[in-house]
Amino acid sequence: MNLTGEWQFFEQFEAGFDMGYAMLMQVGEKITGTLVYREYIYDEGSFLISIDVEGDVIDDRLMLRGVSYEVIDAPFAVEYCLDDRIAELSDPYKIEGHSVDDQNLEGRFLLRRMDITLS
């Protein structure tokens, strides 16, 4: 399954949720891309962030690591912890998995393919 394309992104975690999109490029078993989303933190507000990711497809698993980020818009100071994301690949239109950051905060995420033309 080739993961190259545009994806809607949603993630739920203990302190809030994220909504946005992802652009992924797969070459062989290597994945690179960018996640752009608004993170909503309960009782604090929200900020817009862009995260560069890289990773691997190993058998039917996606392993994706955040490598750098840029806060695009925030009404308060943001110190962001990059996530590792792991997912089972069983549906070419949907990727579901879990994430964990450097502070051991965990979340559940969902990517839905926006373009339906598969390579």
Protein backbone atom coordinates (compact mmCIF):
# COMPACT_ATOMS: atom_id res chain seq x y z
CA MET A 1 0.00 0.00 0.00
CA ASN A 2 1.41 3.39 -1.00
CA LEU A 3 0.74 6.14 1.55
CA THR A 4 1.71 9.05 -0.72
CA GLY A 5 -1.00 11.70 -0.73
CA GLU A 6 -3.10 14.09 1.29
CA TRP A 7 -4.76 12.97 4.51
CA GLN A 8 -7.17 14.52 7.00
CA PHE A 9 -5.69 14.29 10.50
CA PHE A 10 -7.40 14.00 13.88
CA GLU A 11 -5.83 13.11 17.22
CA GLN A 12 -7.32 12.84 20.71
CA PHE A 13 -5.16 13.01 23.84
CA GLU A 14 -5.75 13.59 27.54
CA ALA A 15 -5.35 17.38 27.45
CA GLY A 16 -7.18 18.06 24.16
CA PHE A 17 -7.28 17.24 20.46
CA ASP A 18 -5.70 18.10 17.08
CA MET A 19 -7.38 18.70 13.71
CA GLY A 20 -5.67 19.32 10.38
CA TYR A 21 -4.08 17.54 7.47
CA ALA A 22 -0.99 15.58 6.45
CA MET A 23 1.00 15.44 3.24
CA LEU A 24 2.92 12.16 2.99
CA MET A 25 5.41 10.89 0.42
CA GLN A 26 6.43 7.23 0.32
CA VAL A 27 9.47 5.99 -1.59
CA GLY A 28 9.98 2.28 -1.07
CA GLU A 29 9.57 1.75 2.67
CA LYS A 30 10.60 5.31 3.64
CA ILE A 31 8.00 7.98 4.52
CA THR A 32 8.50 11.73 4.75
CA GLY A 33 5.94 14.46 5.10
CA THR A 34 4.35 17.29 6.99
CA LEU A 35 1.49 17.44 9.47
CA VAL A 36 -0.25 20.81 9.78
CA TYR A 37 -2.90 21.11 12.45
CA ARG A 38 -4.53 23.21 15.10
CA GLU A 39 -3.97 21.81 18.59
CA TYR A 40 -6.80 22.54 21.02
CA ILE A 41 -5.79 22.30 24.68
CA TYR A 42 -8.67 22.24 27.14
CA ASP A 43 -8.81 25.36 29.35
CA GLU A 44 -5.85 26.98 27.51
CA GLY A 45 -6.81 27.64 23.89
CA SER A 46 -5.34 26.56 20.59
CA PHE A 47 -2.32 27.03 18.34
CA LEU A 48 -1.41 26.17 14.74
CA ILE A 49 1.68 24.03 14.14
CA SER A 50 3.54 22.38 11.27
CA ILE A 51 5.55 19.24 11.97
CA ASP A 52 8.02 17.53 9.64
CA VAL A 53 7.88 13.75 9.96
CA GLU A 54 9.83 10.78 8.70
CA GLY A 55 9.49 7.09 9.17
CA ASP A 56 9.22 3.61 7.78
CA VAL A 57 6.67 1.09 6.63
CA ILE A 58 7.66 -2.28 8.08
CA ASP A 59 5.40 -5.11 6.95
CA ASP A 60 1.91 -3.75 7.75
CA ARG A 61 3.06 -1.14 10.29
CA LEU A 62 3.74 2.55 9.97
CA MET A 63 6.38 4.03 12.28
CA LEU A 64 6.40 7.83 12.03
CA ARG A 65 8.63 10.22 14.01
CA GLY A 66 8.40 13.98 14.37
CA VAL A 67 11.76 15.51 13.44
CA SER A 68 11.11 19.25 13.65
CA TYR A 69 8.29 21.75 14.11
CA GLU A 70 7.30 25.33 13.53
CA VAL A 71 4.58 27.10 15.49
CA ILE A 72 2.65 29.05 12.87
CA ASP A 73 0.19 30.88 15.10
CA ALA A 74 -0.18 30.90 18.89
CA PRO A 75 -1.66 33.39 21.38
CA PHE A 76 0.67 32.03 24.10
CA ALA A 77 4.19 30.56 24.35
CA VAL A 78 4.40 26.98 23.05
CA GLU A 79 6.99 24.38 23.96
CA TYR A 80 6.05 21.39 21.86
CA CYS A 81 7.20 17.79 22.41
CA LEU A 82 7.53 15.80 19.19
CA ASP A 83 5.58 12.55 18.91
CA ASP A 84 6.30 9.05 17.69
CA ARG A 85 3.29 7.52 15.92
CA ILE A 86 2.68 3.82 15.29
CA ALA A 87 -0.17 2.39 13.23
CA GLU A 88 -1.34 -0.88 11.70
CA LEU A 89 -1.88 -0.57 7.94
CA SER A 90 -4.97 -2.52 6.90
CA ASP A 91 -7.07 0.02 4.94
CA PRO A 92 -5.72 2.12 2.02
CA TYR A 93 -8.09 4.99 2.95
CA LYS A 94 -7.59 5.11 6.73
CA ILE A 95 -4.67 4.89 9.17
CA GLU A 96 -5.41 4.50 12.89
CA GLY A 97 -2.82 4.30 15.60
CA HIS A 98 -1.37 5.70 18.78
CA SER A 99 1.20 8.33 19.61
CA VAL A 100 3.56 9.04 22.48
CA ASP A 101 5.71 12.11 23.05
CA ASP A 102 8.92 12.75 25.01
CA GLN A 103 6.88 13.31 28.19
CA ASN A 104 5.13 9.92 27.77
CA LEU A 105 1.79 11.59 26.94
CA GLU A 106 -0.21 9.26 24.74
CA GLY A 107 -2.89 9.82 22.15
CA ARG A 108 -4.95 8.09 19.48
CA PHE A 109 -4.86 9.40 15.92
CA LEU A 110 -6.74 8.88 12.68
CA LEU A 111 -5.66 9.78 9.15
CA ARG A 112 -8.27 9.61 6.35
CA ARG A 113 -7.14 9.76 2.73
CA MET A 114 -8.36 12.96 1.03
CA ASP A 115 -7.46 11.93 -2.52
CA ILE A 116 -8.99 8.65 -3.58
CA THR A 117 -6.66 7.94 -6.51
CA LEU A 118 -4.23 5.31 -5.26
CA SER A 119 -0.77 5.02 -6.78
